[in-house]
Structures are given as structure tokens and as C-alpha cells.
Amino acid sequence: MGEFKEAMMMCSEDYDEMIDMALALKDKDWFEELVKKQKWLRELEIQARRELGVLD
């Protein structure tokens, strides 16, 4: 539930700046974690749009 609650507070674009920071810090583990979470969140956003009938 913690991940879902966190996802509800952020959109996938919010991860872009943190990903840039991870790259600047050369923190591979953090970068990979952020990219994974961003991808998961994008999939949720797409699914929600489909269910709501909202087209991009």
C-alpha cells in the first residue's frame, strides 16, 4: 500500500528531475529504482485514462 499511496502523490513526470539528480550523482541503484517506479506509474496512468475514457 505504501508504494500505491506514494504513486498517488506523484505523477510520472515528477520523477524526471530525480532521475537527473541520480545521473548527476552517478548513483546507478537510485537511477534504476526511479526508472522502474516511473515506468510502473506511467502504466498506471495509461490504465486509469483508458478506464476513464480519457484520450491523450
Protein backbone atom coordinates (compact mmCIF):
# COMPACT_ATOMS: atom_id res chain seq x y z
CA MET A 1 0.00 0.00 0.00
CA GLY A 2 2.91 2.36 0.65
CA GLU A 3 4.00 2.36 -2.99
CA PHE A 4 0.44 2.96 -4.17
CA LYS A 5 -0.01 5.86 -1.74
CA GLU A 6 3.31 7.36 -2.91
CA ALA A 7 2.22 6.99 -6.52
CA MET A 8 -1.00 8.83 -5.80
CA MET A 9 1.02 11.87 -4.71
CA MET A 10 3.30 12.00 -7.73
CA CYS A 11 2.85 11.77 -11.46
CA SER A 12 5.35 10.08 -13.75
CA GLU A 13 6.78 13.43 -14.89
CA ASP A 14 7.72 14.21 -11.28
CA TYR A 15 10.39 11.53 -11.49
CA ASP A 16 12.30 13.28 -14.31
CA GLU A 17 14.10 15.71 -12.01
CA MET A 18 15.03 13.00 -9.52
CA ILE A 19 16.33 10.82 -12.36
CA ASP A 20 18.50 13.73 -13.48
CA MET A 21 19.84 14.06 -9.92
CA ALA A 22 20.63 10.35 -9.75
CA LEU A 23 22.55 10.65 -13.03
CA ALA A 24 24.44 13.70 -11.79
CA LEU A 25 25.37 11.85 -8.60
CA LYS A 26 26.25 8.75 -10.65
CA ASP A 27 24.02 6.69 -8.35
CA LYS A 28 23.17 3.71 -10.53
CA ASP A 29 20.99 1.94 -7.94
CA TRP A 30 18.85 5.02 -7.27
CA PHE A 31 18.60 5.72 -11.01
CA GLU A 32 17.40 2.18 -11.75
CA GLU A 33 14.87 2.32 -8.89
CA LEU A 34 13.48 5.65 -10.10
CA VAL A 35 13.21 4.50 -13.71
CA LYS A 36 11.40 1.34 -12.58
CA LYS A 37 8.94 3.33 -10.45
CA GLN A 38 8.39 5.87 -13.24
CA LYS A 39 7.62 3.12 -15.75
CA TRP A 40 5.20 1.46 -13.31
CA LEU A 41 3.47 4.77 -12.65
CA ARG A 42 3.17 5.57 -16.37
CA GLU A 43 1.47 2.23 -16.89
CA LEU A 44 -0.99 3.03 -14.08
CA GLU A 45 -1.68 6.46 -15.59
CA ILE A 46 -2.38 4.94 -19.01
CA GLN A 47 -4.66 2.31 -17.47
CA ALA A 48 -6.57 4.96 -15.50
CA ARG A 49 -7.04 7.10 -18.61
CA ARG A 50 -8.38 4.13 -20.53
CA GLU A 51 -10.80 3.23 -17.74
CA LEU A 52 -12.00 6.84 -17.54
CA GLY A 53 -12.30 7.10 -21.31
CA VAL A 54 -9.81 9.98 -21.47
CA LEU A 55 -7.67 10.04 -24.60
CA ASP A 56 -4.24 11.67 -24.83
